[in-house]
Amino acid sequence: MITSFTDRYPGCAPRRALRAAAPLAALACAFALPELAHACASCGCSLSADAAMGYSTMPGWRLSIEYDYINQDQLRSGTQAVSGVPAGTELEHQTVNQYVTAGLSYSPNSSWNLTLLLPYVIRNHSTYGTYDPTQPLPELSRSFSSSMGDAKLIVSYQGFLPTNNLGVQLGVKLPTGQYGTAVDFHSGPNAGTPLDASLQPGTGSTDIILGAYYYQAISQNFDAFINAQFQTAVRQRMDQPGNDYRPGNSTNLSFGLRYEANPRWVPQLQINLLHKAPDQGALADVQNTAGSVAYLSPGLTAQLSARVHAFAFAQLPVYSNLYGSQLFPRWTASAGVSYAF
């Protein structure tokens, strides 16, 4: 559940609630977003959306919707931007990712929560294909896809401490999105050929998600959070020799501060760290799907009514160390709204 301190302590002033070390949310922050799988190791939005919205242990139902925009338009290798790629490797041009994620959460009490996340993936991708320095750049090959992605089901438990500010999660990502070779290029020299497996709406894998989180007021107006998530594929639909693909394991660590002087308008600053291992299999781009990145993420949460909350954030990359040559975003944007009933 995601709401404000005033919802957690009806009739109490926000500062008094902060002194009381308010409980954690039912969801781990890192799980509030879909897995974003594409040909960049860590271009996915790693924002902690639950921390962005605030925390609650109040029982009941909650609907949410979130929009994430990621424009991968900068070619990078290692820690630097580059102007080209080695001969014989793919020279990608741009990938624009948009994700609309619907969420439904239920908390029977202050200790347990169950959440279902359903992402819709909209992606435009363009590439020059295999780079040959002896030839002029060819016409761009372009693709467009718009379909459901991979769903997530997550169980959270935060009953370890009386203040409910320490919790763990166990979740599963299901292969509900199109995967493998489902989406083709629609124009250019590669028209009719399938996209890379990492650019398909789904991964075709069933993944296990493990996480932990902690939340604590640190002064009259400031509260802090930290959460970690690990995700690994445990079963693949594509597992035949020459037609196999396994997404690389990912580890996400987020921490940050919220300024709670006015519960209706809450500025926040997050730091999001993400590491992804290389994809594996015959259909994987093993050399260009791994790396580590760090984002600085400022944003604002608004309490629109007693039941409705919204947030808007930007993610600004401050460090990247990417294997091979990968398209990377100069910034990303996220916005969301939730309704409790």
C-alpha atoms as a PDB file:
ATOM      1  CA  MET A   1       0.000   0.000   0.000  1.00  0.00           C
ATOM      2  CA  ILE A   2       1.267   3.467  -0.789  1.00  0.00           C
ATOM      3  CA  THR A   3       0.013   6.567   0.952  1.00  0.00           C
ATOM      4  CA  SER A   4       1.077   9.339   3.329  1.00  0.00           C
ATOM      5  CA  PHE A   5       1.900   9.642   7.005  1.00  0.00           C
ATOM      6  CA  THR A   6      -1.435  11.270   7.750  1.00  0.00           C
ATOM      7  CA  ASP A   7      -3.214   8.158   6.493  1.00  0.00           C
ATOM      8  CA  ARG A   8      -1.106   6.014   8.746  1.00  0.00           C
ATOM      9  CA  TYR A   9      -1.856   8.106  11.826  1.00  0.00           C
ATOM     10  CA  PRO A  10      -5.364   9.604  11.454  1.00  0.00           C
ATOM     11  CA  GLY A  11      -5.731  12.722  13.574  1.00  0.00           C
ATOM     12  CA  CYS A  12      -1.989  13.051  14.262  1.00  0.00           C
ATOM     13  CA  ALA A  13       0.248  15.789  12.942  1.00  0.00           C
ATOM     14  CA  PRO A  14       2.827  14.610  10.379  1.00  0.00           C
ATOM     15  CA  ARG A  15       5.820  15.599  12.546  1.00  0.00           C
ATOM     16  CA  ARG A  16       4.447  13.645  15.475  1.00  0.00           C
ATOM     17  CA  ALA A  17       4.047  10.659  13.190  1.00  0.00           C
ATOM     18  CA  LEU A  18       7.650  10.978  12.105  1.00  0.00           C
ATOM     19  CA  ARG A  19       8.830  10.856  15.696  1.00  0.00           C
ATOM     20  CA  ALA A  20       6.803   7.676  16.099  1.00  0.00           C
ATOM     21  CA  ALA A  21       8.858   5.918  13.390  1.00  0.00           C
ATOM     22  CA  ALA A  22       5.991   5.171  11.052  1.00  0.00           C
ATOM     23  CA  PRO A  23       5.638   1.681   9.527  1.00  0.00           C
ATOM     24  CA  LEU A  24       6.824   0.562   6.136  1.00  0.00           C
ATOM     25  CA  ALA A  25       4.697   0.019   3.120  1.00  0.00           C
ATOM     26  CA  ALA A  26       3.372  -3.316   2.106  1.00  0.00           C
ATOM     27  CA  LEU A  27       5.410  -3.277  -1.079  1.00  0.00           C
ATOM     28  CA  ALA A  28       9.102  -3.110  -1.505  1.00  0.00           C
ATOM     29  CA  CYS A  29       9.985   0.015  -3.397  1.00  0.00           C
ATOM     30  CA  ALA A  30      11.950  -1.721  -6.090  1.00  0.00           C
ATOM     31  CA  PHE A  31       9.049  -3.975  -7.044  1.00  0.00           C
ATOM     32  CA  ALA A  32       6.667  -1.232  -8.017  1.00  0.00           C
ATOM     33  CA  LEU A  33       7.948  -1.239 -11.598  1.00  0.00           C
ATOM     34  CA  PRO A  34       7.969  -3.796 -14.382  1.00  0.00           C
ATOM     35  CA  GLU A  35      11.162  -5.453 -15.489  1.00  0.00           C
ATOM     36  CA  LEU A  36      12.391  -3.382 -18.412  1.00  0.00           C
ATOM     37  CA  ALA A  37      14.191  -5.667 -20.826  1.00  0.00           C
ATOM     38  CA  HIS A  38      15.982  -4.273 -23.841  1.00  0.00           C
ATOM     39  CA  ALA A  39      19.375  -4.177 -25.502  1.00  0.00           C
ATOM     40  CA  CYS A  40      20.919  -1.962 -22.849  1.00  0.00           C
ATOM     41  CA  ALA A  41      22.215  -3.538 -19.668  1.00  0.00           C
ATOM     42  CA  SER A  42      20.723  -1.041 -17.278  1.00  0.00           C
ATOM     43  CA  CYS A  43      18.529   1.418 -19.123  1.00  0.00           C
ATOM     44  CA  GLY A  44      15.456   0.234 -17.263  1.00  0.00           C
ATOM     45  CA  CYS A  45      13.813   2.547 -14.799  1.00  0.00           C
ATOM     46  CA  SER A  46      15.176   1.637 -11.353  1.00  0.00           C
ATOM     47  CA  LEU A  47      13.182   4.281  -9.480  1.00  0.00           C
ATOM     48  CA  SER A  48      11.783   3.200  -6.110  1.00  0.00           C
ATOM     49  CA  ALA A  49       8.132   4.010  -6.791  1.00  0.00           C
ATOM     50  CA  ASP A  50       6.823   2.950  -3.390  1.00  0.00           C
ATOM     51  CA  ALA A  51       9.230   5.289  -1.628  1.00  0.00           C
ATOM     52  CA  ALA A  52       8.144   7.977  -4.075  1.00  0.00           C
ATOM     53  CA  MET A  53       4.515   7.563  -3.005  1.00  0.00           C
ATOM     54  CA  GLY A  54       5.068   7.170   0.728  1.00  0.00           C
ATOM     55  CA  TYR A  55       4.309   4.243   3.011  1.00  0.00           C
ATOM     56  CA  SER A  56       1.333   2.698   4.773  1.00  0.00           C
ATOM     57  CA  THR A  57       0.362  -0.471   6.574  1.00  0.00           C
ATOM     58  CA  MET A  58      -3.350   0.251   6.454  1.00  0.00           C
ATOM     59  CA  PRO A  59      -5.396  -2.780   5.296  1.00  0.00           C
ATOM     60  CA  GLY A  60      -7.508  -2.691   2.175  1.00  0.00           C
ATOM     61  CA  TRP A  61      -7.271  -2.478  -1.592  1.00  0.00           C
ATOM     62  CA  ARG A  62      -5.345  -0.078  -3.829  1.00  0.00           C
ATOM     63  CA  LEU A  63      -5.311   0.551  -7.566  1.00  0.00           C
ATOM     64  CA  SER A  64      -2.344   2.240  -9.216  1.00  0.00           C
ATOM     65  CA  ILE A  65      -1.105   3.195 -12.649  1.00  0.00           C
ATOM     66  CA  GLU A  66       2.388   4.302 -13.603  1.00  0.00           C
ATOM     67  CA  TYR A  67       3.991   5.677 -16.759  1.00  0.00           C
ATOM     68  CA  ASP A  68       7.722   5.419 -17.506  1.00  0.00           C
ATOM     69  CA  TYR A  69       9.541   7.015 -20.447  1.00  0.00           C
ATOM     70  CA  ILE A  70      13.062   5.927 -21.447  1.00  0.00           C
ATOM     71  CA  ASN A  71      14.713   7.289 -24.589  1.00  0.00           C
ATOM     72  CA  GLN A  72      17.952   5.413 -25.348  1.00  0.00           C
ATOM     73  CA  ASP A  73      19.686   7.751 -27.776  1.00  0.00           C
ATOM     74  CA  GLN A  74      23.309   7.886 -26.608  1.00  0.00           C
ATOM     75  CA  LEU A  75      25.847   5.227 -27.579  1.00  0.00           C
ATOM     76  CA  ARG A  76      28.128   4.325 -24.659  1.00  0.00           C
ATOM     77  CA  SER A  77      30.858   1.801 -23.896  1.00  0.00           C
ATOM     78  CA  GLY A  78      32.513   1.368 -20.534  1.00  0.00           C
ATOM     79  CA  THR A  79      32.222   4.674 -18.681  1.00  0.00           C
ATOM     80  CA  GLN A  80      32.163   6.964 -21.733  1.00  0.00           C
ATOM     81  CA  ALA A  81      30.043   8.035 -24.674  1.00  0.00           C
ATOM     82  CA  VAL A  82      31.377   6.742 -28.003  1.00  0.00           C
ATOM     83  CA  SER A  83      30.851   7.771 -31.622  1.00  0.00           C
ATOM     84  CA  GLY A  84      30.963   4.308 -33.187  1.00  0.00           C
ATOM     85  CA  VAL A  85      31.360   0.562 -32.727  1.00  0.00           C
ATOM     86  CA  PRO A  86      34.000  -1.964 -33.832  1.00  0.00           C
ATOM     87  CA  ALA A  87      33.676  -3.352 -37.361  1.00  0.00           C
ATOM     88  CA  GLY A  88      31.430  -6.379 -37.599  1.00  0.00           C
ATOM     89  CA  THR A  89      29.227  -5.424 -34.619  1.00  0.00           C
ATOM     90  CA  GLU A  90      25.765  -3.872 -34.639  1.00  0.00           C
ATOM     91  CA  LEU A  91      25.453  -0.086 -34.742  1.00  0.00           C
ATOM     92  CA  GLU A  92      22.148   0.758 -33.068  1.00  0.00           C
ATOM     93  CA  HIS A  93      20.513   4.156 -33.567  1.00  0.00           C
ATOM     94  CA  GLN A  94      17.743   4.657 -30.975  1.00  0.00           C
ATOM     95  CA  THR A  95      15.272   2.817 -28.733  1.00  0.00           C
ATOM     96  CA  VAL A  96      12.307   4.677 -27.223  1.00  0.00           C
ATOM     97  CA  ASN A  97      10.580   2.715 -24.447  1.00  0.00           C
ATOM     98  CA  GLN A  98       7.246   3.587 -22.854  1.00  0.00           C
ATOM     99  CA  TYR A  99       5.711   1.498 -20.075  1.00  0.00           C
ATOM    100  CA  VAL A 100       2.204   1.806 -18.649  1.00  0.00           C
ATOM    101  CA  THR A 101       1.852  -0.422 -15.575  1.00  0.00           C
ATOM    102  CA  ALA A 102      -1.430  -1.176 -13.806  1.00  0.00           C
ATOM    103  CA  GLY A 103      -1.209  -2.453 -10.234  1.00  0.00           C
ATOM    104  CA  LEU A 104      -3.681  -4.016  -7.820  1.00  0.00           C
ATOM    105  CA  SER A 105      -2.701  -4.489  -4.165  1.00  0.00           C
ATOM    106  CA  TYR A 106      -4.462  -6.065  -1.195  1.00  0.00           C
ATOM    107  CA  SER A 107      -3.398  -5.889   2.453  1.00  0.00           C
ATOM    108  CA  PRO A 108      -5.435  -8.037   4.877  1.00  0.00           C
ATOM    109  CA  ASN A 109      -3.527  -6.517   7.818  1.00  0.00           C
ATOM    110  CA  SER A 110      -0.434  -4.459   8.626  1.00  0.00           C
ATOM    111  CA  SER A 111       1.958  -7.385   8.123  1.00  0.00           C
ATOM    112  CA  TRP A 112       1.008  -8.845   4.736  1.00  0.00           C
ATOM    113  CA  ASN A 113       0.444  -7.549   1.219  1.00  0.00           C
ATOM    114  CA  LEU A 114      -0.175  -9.145  -2.184  1.00  0.00           C
ATOM    115  CA  THR A 115       0.371  -7.175  -5.392  1.00  0.00           C
ATOM    116  CA  LEU A 116      -0.228  -7.891  -9.077  1.00  0.00           C
ATOM    117  CA  LEU A 117       1.579  -5.729 -11.671  1.00  0.00           C
ATOM    118  CA  LEU A 118       0.549  -5.749 -15.348  1.00  0.00           C
ATOM    119  CA  PRO A 119       2.810  -3.758 -17.716  1.00  0.00           C
ATOM    120  CA  TYR A 120       1.971  -2.594 -21.239  1.00  0.00           C
ATOM    121  CA  VAL A 121       5.095  -2.061 -23.372  1.00  0.00           C
ATOM    122  CA  ILE A 122       5.359   0.424 -26.255  1.00  0.00           C
ATOM    123  CA  ARG A 123       8.720   0.374 -28.036  1.00  0.00           C
ATOM    124  CA  ASN A 124      10.233   2.023 -31.127  1.00  0.00           C
ATOM    125  CA  HIS A 125      13.650   0.746 -32.180  1.00  0.00           C
ATOM    126  CA  SER A 126      15.991   1.597 -35.055  1.00  0.00           C
ATOM    127  CA  THR A 127      19.395   0.251 -36.072  1.00  0.00           C
ATOM    128  CA  TYR A 128      21.919   0.505 -38.915  1.00  0.00           C
ATOM    129  CA  GLY A 129      22.707  -3.205 -38.599  1.00  0.00           C
ATOM    130  CA  THR A 130      26.206  -4.658 -38.758  1.00  0.00           C
ATOM    131  CA  TYR A 131      28.777  -1.873 -39.041  1.00  0.00           C
ATOM    132  CA  ASP A 132      31.174  -1.921 -42.005  1.00  0.00           C
ATOM    133  CA  PRO A 133      33.605   1.057 -41.945  1.00  0.00           C
ATOM    134  CA  THR A 134      34.386   0.569 -45.651  1.00  0.00           C
ATOM    135  CA  GLN A 135      30.772   1.279 -46.655  1.00  0.00           C
ATOM    136  CA  PRO A 136      28.380   4.218 -46.188  1.00  0.00           C
ATOM    137  CA  LEU A 137      25.822   3.822 -43.415  1.00  0.00           C
ATOM    138  CA  PRO A 138      22.810   1.896 -44.736  1.00  0.00           C
ATOM    139  CA  GLU A 139      19.166   2.853 -44.398  1.00  0.00           C
ATOM    140  CA  LEU A 140      17.825   2.450 -40.886  1.00  0.00           C
ATOM    141  CA  SER A 141      15.856  -0.680 -40.065  1.00  0.00           C
ATOM    142  CA  ARG A 142      12.904   0.184 -37.830  1.00  0.00           C
ATOM    143  CA  SER A 143      10.474  -1.707 -35.615  1.00  0.00           C
ATOM    144  CA  PHE A 144       7.469  -0.891 -33.469  1.00  0.00           C
ATOM    145  CA  SER A 145       5.729  -3.030 -30.858  1.00  0.00           C
ATOM    146  CA  SER A 146       2.816  -2.369 -28.526  1.00  0.00           C
ATOM    147  CA  SER A 147       1.586  -5.206 -26.301  1.00  0.00           C
ATOM    148  CA  MET A 148       1.406  -6.626 -22.804  1.00  0.00           C
ATOM    149  CA  GLY A 149       4.695  -7.345 -21.066  1.00  0.00           C
ATOM    150  CA  ASP A 150       5.599  -9.799 -18.315  1.00  0.00           C
ATOM    151  CA  ALA A 151       3.355  -9.719 -15.223  1.00  0.00           C
ATOM    152  CA  LYS A 152       4.636  -9.818 -11.636  1.00  0.00           C
ATOM    153  CA  LEU A 153       3.022 -11.237  -8.506  1.00  0.00           C
ATOM    154  CA  ILE A 154       4.645 -10.218  -5.212  1.00  0.00           C
ATOM    155  CA  VAL A 155       4.039 -11.141  -1.570  1.00  0.00           C
ATOM    156  CA  SER A 156       5.391  -8.810   1.114  1.00  0.00           C
ATOM    157  CA  TYR A 157       5.775  -9.386   4.848  1.00  0.00           C
ATOM    158  CA  GLN A 158       6.773  -6.674   7.349  1.00  0.00           C
ATOM    159  CA  GLY A 159       5.716  -8.101  10.695  1.00  0.00           C
ATOM    160  CA  PHE A 160       9.199  -8.590  12.154  1.00  0.00           C
ATOM    161  CA  LEU A 161       9.225  -5.379  14.250  1.00  0.00           C
ATOM    162  CA  PRO A 162       6.444  -3.615  16.197  1.00  0.00           C
ATOM    163  CA  THR A 163       6.909  -0.562  13.962  1.00  0.00           C
ATOM    164  CA  ASN A 164       6.631  -2.697  10.798  1.00  0.00           C
ATOM    165  CA  ASN A 165       9.611  -0.900   9.281  1.00  0.00           C
ATOM    166  CA  LEU A 166      11.579  -3.976   8.228  1.00  0.00           C
ATOM    167  CA  GLY A 167      10.258  -6.283   5.551  1.00  0.00           C
ATOM    168  CA  VAL A 168      10.996  -8.909   2.941  1.00  0.00           C
ATOM    169  CA  GLN A 169       9.453  -9.887  -0.398  1.00  0.00           C
ATOM    170  CA  LEU A 170       9.113 -12.984  -2.486  1.00  0.00           C
ATOM    171  CA  GLY A 171       7.814 -12.591  -6.022  1.00  0.00           C
ATOM    172  CA  VAL A 172       7.542 -14.210  -9.406  1.00  0.00           C
ATOM    173  CA  LYS A 173       7.730 -12.724 -12.912  1.00  0.00           C
ATOM    174  CA  LEU A 174       5.592 -14.650 -15.376  1.00  0.00           C
ATOM    175  CA  PRO A 175       6.241 -15.055 -19.156  1.00  0.00           C
ATOM    176  CA  THR A 176       3.015 -13.295 -20.219  1.00  0.00           C
ATOM    177  CA  GLY A 177       4.592 -11.030 -22.857  1.00  0.00           C
ATOM    178  CA  GLN A 178       5.589 -11.877 -26.423  1.00  0.00           C
ATOM    179  CA  TYR A 179       9.129 -13.229 -26.513  1.00  0.00           C
ATOM    180  CA  GLY A 180      11.800 -14.849 -28.653  1.00  0.00           C
ATOM    181  CA  THR A 181      11.207 -13.845 -32.276  1.00  0.00           C
ATOM    182  CA  ALA A 182       7.632 -12.536 -31.993  1.00  0.00           C
ATOM    183  CA  VAL A 183       8.321  -8.937 -33.121  1.00  0.00           C
ATOM    184  CA  ASP A 184       9.964  -8.190 -36.510  1.00  0.00           C
ATOM    185  CA  PHE A 185      11.476  -5.132 -38.150  1.00  0.00           C
ATOM    186  CA  HIS A 186       8.802  -3.472 -40.316  1.00  0.00           C
ATOM    187  CA  SER A 187      11.022  -1.368 -42.596  1.00  0.00           C
ATOM    188  CA  GLY A 188      14.584  -1.039 -43.861  1.00  0.00           C
ATOM    189  CA  PRO A 189      17.062  -3.709 -44.954  1.00  0.00           C
ATOM    190  CA  ASN A 190      16.095  -5.962 -42.015  1.00  0.00           C
ATOM    191  CA  ALA A 191      12.329  -5.822 -42.672  1.00  0.00           C
ATOM    192  CA  GLY A 192      10.705  -9.150 -41.815  1.00  0.00           C
ATOM    193  CA  THR A 193      13.534 -10.360 -39.581  1.00  0.00           C
ATOM    194  CA  PRO A 194      13.003 -10.646 -35.811  1.00  0.00           C
ATOM    195  CA  LEU A 195      14.328  -8.228 -33.210  1.00  0.00           C
ATOM    196  CA  ASP A 196      16.891  -9.300 -30.643  1.00  0.00           C
ATOM    197  CA  ALA A 197      15.373 -11.370 -27.838  1.00  0.00           C
ATOM    198  CA  SER A 198      16.201  -8.591 -25.358  1.00  0.00           C
ATOM    199  CA  LEU A 199      14.038  -6.132 -27.361  1.00  0.00           C
ATOM    200  CA  GLN A 200      10.900  -8.294 -27.348  1.00  0.00           C
ATOM    201  CA  PRO A 201       8.029  -7.257 -24.987  1.00  0.00           C
ATOM    202  CA  GLY A 202       8.718 -10.295 -22.750  1.00  0.00           C
ATOM    203  CA  THR A 203      11.682 -12.489 -21.895  1.00  0.00           C
ATOM    204  CA  GLY A 204       9.960 -15.897 -22.083  1.00  0.00           C
ATOM    205  CA  SER A 205      11.322 -16.734 -18.639  1.00  0.00           C
ATOM    206  CA  THR A 206       9.833 -17.317 -15.216  1.00  0.00           C
ATOM    207  CA  ASP A 207      11.859 -15.313 -12.694  1.00  0.00           C
ATOM    208  CA  ILE A 208      12.108 -15.366  -8.922  1.00  0.00           C
ATOM    209  CA  ILE A 209      12.320 -12.004  -7.118  1.00  0.00           C
ATOM    210  CA  LEU A 210      13.852 -11.652  -3.646  1.00  0.00           C
ATOM    211  CA  GLY A 211      14.013  -8.422  -1.705  1.00  0.00           C
ATOM    212  CA  ALA A 212      14.340  -6.651   1.639  1.00  0.00           C
ATOM    213  CA  TYR A 213      13.663  -3.107   2.812  1.00  0.00           C
ATOM    214  CA  TYR A 214      13.954  -0.779   5.795  1.00  0.00           C
ATOM    215  CA  TYR A 215      12.382   2.581   6.552  1.00  0.00           C
ATOM    216  CA  GLN A 216      13.031   5.033   9.411  1.00  0.00           C
ATOM    217  CA  ALA A 217      12.352   8.625  10.456  1.00  0.00           C
ATOM    218  CA  ILE A 218      15.722  10.317  11.075  1.00  0.00           C
ATOM    219  CA  SER A 219      14.557  13.773  12.252  1.00  0.00           C
ATOM    220  CA  GLN A 220      11.416  15.820  12.731  1.00  0.00           C
ATOM    221  CA  ASN A 221      10.990  16.436   8.988  1.00  0.00           C
ATOM    222  CA  PHE A 222      13.166  13.846   7.244  1.00  0.00           C
ATOM    223  CA  ASP A 223      12.726  10.116   6.809  1.00  0.00           C
ATOM    224  CA  ALA A 224      14.968   7.700   4.949  1.00  0.00           C
ATOM    225  CA  PHE A 225      14.606   4.345   3.226  1.00  0.00           C
ATOM    226  CA  ILE A 226      16.770   1.629   1.740  1.00  0.00           C
ATOM    227  CA  ASN A 227      15.722  -1.419  -0.261  1.00  0.00           C
ATOM    228  CA  ALA A 228      17.373  -4.128  -2.322  1.00  0.00           C
ATOM    229  CA  GLN A 229      16.077  -6.511  -4.999  1.00  0.00           C
ATOM    230  CA  PHE A 230      17.553  -9.521  -6.750  1.00  0.00           C
ATOM    231  CA  GLN A 231      15.916 -11.140  -9.779  1.00  0.00           C
ATOM    232  CA  THR A 232      16.940 -14.350 -11.548  1.00  0.00           C
ATOM    233  CA  ALA A 233      15.378 -16.548 -14.234  1.00  0.00           C
ATOM    234  CA  VAL A 234      14.609 -20.086 -13.048  1.00  0.00           C
ATOM    235  CA  ARG A 235      12.777 -21.431 -16.110  1.00  0.00           C
ATOM    236  CA  GLN A 236      12.935 -20.541 -19.811  1.00  0.00           C
ATOM    237  CA  ARG A 237      10.454 -21.287 -22.571  1.00  0.00           C
ATOM    238  CA  MET A 238      13.285 -21.002 -25.062  1.00  0.00           C
ATOM    239  CA  ASP A 239      15.629 -23.744 -23.918  1.00  0.00           C
ATOM    240  CA  GLN A 240      16.480 -25.697 -27.056  1.00  0.00           C
ATOM    241  CA  PRO A 241      20.001 -25.693 -28.523  1.00  0.00           C
ATOM    242  CA  GLY A 242      20.287 -22.864 -31.033  1.00  0.00           C
ATOM    243  CA  ASN A 243      16.956 -21.383 -29.877  1.00  0.00           C
ATOM    244  CA  ASP A 244      17.654 -20.566 -26.235  1.00  0.00           C
ATOM    245  CA  TYR A 245      17.641 -17.301 -24.292  1.00  0.00           C
ATOM    246  CA  ARG A 246      18.059 -16.470 -20.616  1.00  0.00           C
ATOM    247  CA  PRO A 247      17.985 -12.869 -19.315  1.00  0.00           C
ATOM    248  CA  GLY A 248      20.880 -11.945 -17.053  1.00  0.00           C
ATOM    249  CA  ASN A 249      20.428 -11.676 -13.291  1.00  0.00           C
ATOM    250  CA  SER A 250      19.816  -8.164 -11.979  1.00  0.00           C
ATOM    251  CA  THR A 251      20.514  -6.540  -8.599  1.00  0.00           C
ATOM    252  CA  ASN A 252      18.971  -3.213  -7.633  1.00  0.00           C
ATOM    253  CA  LEU A 253      19.768  -1.080  -4.558  1.00  0.00           C
ATOM    254  CA  SER A 254      17.898   2.153  -3.812  1.00  0.00           C
ATOM    255  CA  PHE A 255      18.128   4.591  -0.908  1.00  0.00           C
ATOM    256  CA  GLY A 256      16.984   8.135  -0.327  1.00  0.00           C
ATOM    257  CA  LEU A 257      15.379  10.882   1.762  1.00  0.00           C
ATOM    258  CA  ARG A 258      11.853  12.312   1.940  1.00  0.00           C
ATOM    259  CA  TYR A 259      11.127  15.808   3.325  1.00  0.00           C
ATOM    260  CA  GLU A 260       7.836  15.490   5.247  1.00  0.00           C
ATOM    261  CA  ALA A 261       7.266  19.007   6.666  1.00  0.00           C
ATOM    262  CA  ASN A 262       4.093  19.315   4.552  1.00  0.00           C
ATOM    263  CA  PRO A 263       2.398  15.935   3.952  1.00  0.00           C
ATOM    264  CA  ARG A 264       0.524  17.256   0.916  1.00  0.00           C
ATOM    265  CA  TRP A 265       3.733  18.092  -0.988  1.00  0.00           C
ATOM    266  CA  VAL A 266       6.720  15.849  -0.300  1.00  0.00           C
ATOM    267  CA  PRO A 267      10.017  16.475  -2.147  1.00  0.00           C
ATOM    268  CA  GLN A 268      12.304  13.472  -2.362  1.00  0.00           C
ATOM    269  CA  LEU A 269      15.766  12.531  -3.555  1.00  0.00           C
ATOM    270  CA  GLN A 270      16.735   8.949  -4.427  1.00  0.00           C
ATOM    271  CA  ILE A 271      19.942   7.227  -5.458  1.00  0.00           C
ATOM    272  CA  ASN A 272      19.334   4.107  -7.554  1.00  0.00           C
ATOM    273  CA  LEU A 273      22.093   1.557  -8.244  1.00  0.00           C
ATOM    274  CA  LEU A 274      21.618  -1.249 -10.748  1.00  0.00           C
ATOM    275  CA  HIS A 275      23.870  -4.111 -11.872  1.00  0.00           C
ATOM    276  CA  LYS A 276      22.908  -6.576 -14.602  1.00  0.00           C
ATOM    277  CA  ALA A 277      24.764  -9.717 -15.649  1.00  0.00           C
ATOM    278  CA  PRO A 278      25.006 -10.667 -19.361  1.00  0.00           C
ATOM    279  CA  ASP A 279      22.114 -12.392 -21.107  1.00  0.00           C
ATOM    280  CA  GLN A 280      22.849 -15.975 -22.090  1.00  0.00           C
ATOM    281  CA  GLY A 281      21.902 -18.306 -24.955  1.00  0.00           C
ATOM    282  CA  ALA A 282      22.113 -18.493 -28.735  1.00  0.00           C
ATOM    283  CA  LEU A 283      19.587 -15.647 -29.145  1.00  0.00           C
ATOM    284  CA  ALA A 284      21.307 -13.402 -26.576  1.00  0.00           C
ATOM    285  CA  ASP A 285      23.558 -10.446 -27.310  1.00  0.00           C
ATOM    286  CA  VAL A 286      26.017 -11.652 -24.672  1.00  0.00           C
ATOM    287  CA  GLN A 287      28.642  -8.949 -25.267  1.00  0.00           C
ATOM    288  CA  ASN A 288      26.268  -5.961 -25.011  1.00  0.00           C
ATOM    289  CA  THR A 289      23.761  -6.703 -22.239  1.00  0.00           C
ATOM    290  CA  ALA A 290      25.636  -6.225 -18.964  1.00  0.00           C
ATOM    291  CA  GLY A 291      26.861  -3.370 -16.829  1.00  0.00           C
ATOM    292  CA  SER A 292      26.431  -1.180 -13.771  1.00  0.00           C
ATOM    293  CA  VAL A 293      24.796   2.236 -13.490  1.00  0.00           C
ATOM    294  CA  ALA A 294      23.898   4.835 -10.858  1.00  0.00           C
ATOM    295  CA  TYR A 295      21.016   7.311 -11.088  1.00  0.00           C
ATOM    296  CA  LEU A 296      20.258  10.482  -9.119  1.00  0.00           C
ATOM    297  CA  SER A 297      16.469  10.792  -8.959  1.00  0.00           C
ATOM    298  CA  PRO A 298      14.751  13.973  -7.701  1.00  0.00           C
ATOM    299  CA  GLY A 299      10.969  14.118  -7.535  1.00  0.00           C
ATOM    300  CA  LEU A 300       7.796  15.209  -5.796  1.00  0.00           C
ATOM    301  CA  THR A 301       4.831  13.380  -4.260  1.00  0.00           C
ATOM    302  CA  ALA A 302       1.391  15.053  -3.987  1.00  0.00           C
ATOM    303  CA  GLN A 303      -1.573  14.106  -1.802  1.00  0.00           C
ATOM    304  CA  LEU A 304      -4.490  15.017  -4.087  1.00  0.00           C
ATOM    305  CA  SER A 305      -7.150  13.771  -1.657  1.00  0.00           C
ATOM    306  CA  ALA A 306      -7.482  11.410   1.294  1.00  0.00           C
ATOM    307  CA  ARG A 307      -7.526   8.446  -1.118  1.00  0.00           C
ATOM    308  CA  VAL A 308      -5.548   9.692  -4.137  1.00  0.00           C
ATOM    309  CA  HIS A 309      -1.780  10.234  -4.306  1.00  0.00           C
ATOM    310  CA  ALA A 310       0.475  11.021  -7.258  1.00  0.00           C
ATOM    311  CA  PHE A 311       4.180  11.430  -7.973  1.00  0.00           C
ATOM    312  CA  ALA A 312       6.548  12.631 -10.717  1.00  0.00           C
ATOM    313  CA  PHE A 313      10.287  11.920 -10.896  1.00  0.00           C
ATOM    314  CA  ALA A 314      13.249  12.300 -13.228  1.00  0.00           C
ATOM    315  CA  GLN A 315      16.222   9.933 -13.258  1.00  0.00           C
ATOM    316  CA  LEU A 316      19.592  11.405 -14.169  1.00  0.00           C
ATOM    317  CA  PRO A 317      22.455   8.944 -14.807  1.00  0.00           C
ATOM    318  CA  VAL A 318      25.589   9.949 -12.902  1.00  0.00           C
ATOM    319  CA  TYR A 319      27.692   6.849 -13.617  1.00  0.00           C
ATOM    320  CA  SER A 320      27.684   3.963 -16.063  1.00  0.00           C
ATOM    321  CA  ASN A 321      30.074   1.128 -16.806  1.00  0.00           C
ATOM    322  CA  LEU A 322      28.611  -0.853 -19.702  1.00  0.00           C
ATOM    323  CA  TYR A 323      29.954  -3.952 -21.425  1.00  0.00           C
ATOM    324  CA  GLY A 324      30.365  -3.668 -25.180  1.00  0.00           C
ATOM    325  CA  SER A 325      28.491  -0.865 -26.972  1.00  0.00           C
ATOM    326  CA  GLN A 326      25.008  -0.004 -25.747  1.00  0.00           C
ATOM    327  CA  LEU A 327      22.356   2.643 -26.243  1.00  0.00           C
ATOM    328  CA  PHE A 328      21.831   4.573 -23.023  1.00  0.00           C
ATOM    329  CA  PRO A 329      19.318   7.254 -21.906  1.00  0.00           C
ATOM    330  CA  ARG A 330      20.413  10.777 -21.002  1.00  0.00           C
ATOM    331  CA  TRP A 331      17.452  10.910 -18.602  1.00  0.00           C
ATOM    332  CA  THR A 332      14.260   9.029 -17.803  1.00  0.00           C
ATOM    333  CA  ALA A 333      10.883  10.143 -16.437  1.00  0.00           C
ATOM    334  CA  SER A 334       8.287   8.411 -14.260  1.00  0.00           C
ATOM    335  CA  ALA A 335       4.848   9.457 -13.018  1.00  0.00           C
ATOM    336  CA  GLY A 336       2.141   7.583 -11.160  1.00  0.00           C
ATOM    337  CA  VAL A 337      -1.168   7.836  -9.326  1.00  0.00           C
ATOM    338  CA  SER A 338      -2.843   5.522  -6.811  1.00  0.00           C
ATOM    339  CA  TYR A 339      -6.347   5.204  -5.353  1.00  0.00           C
ATOM    340  CA  ALA A 340      -7.135   3.481  -2.047  1.00  0.00           C
ATOM    341  CA  PHE A 341     -10.534   1.879  -1.397  1.00  0.00           C
END
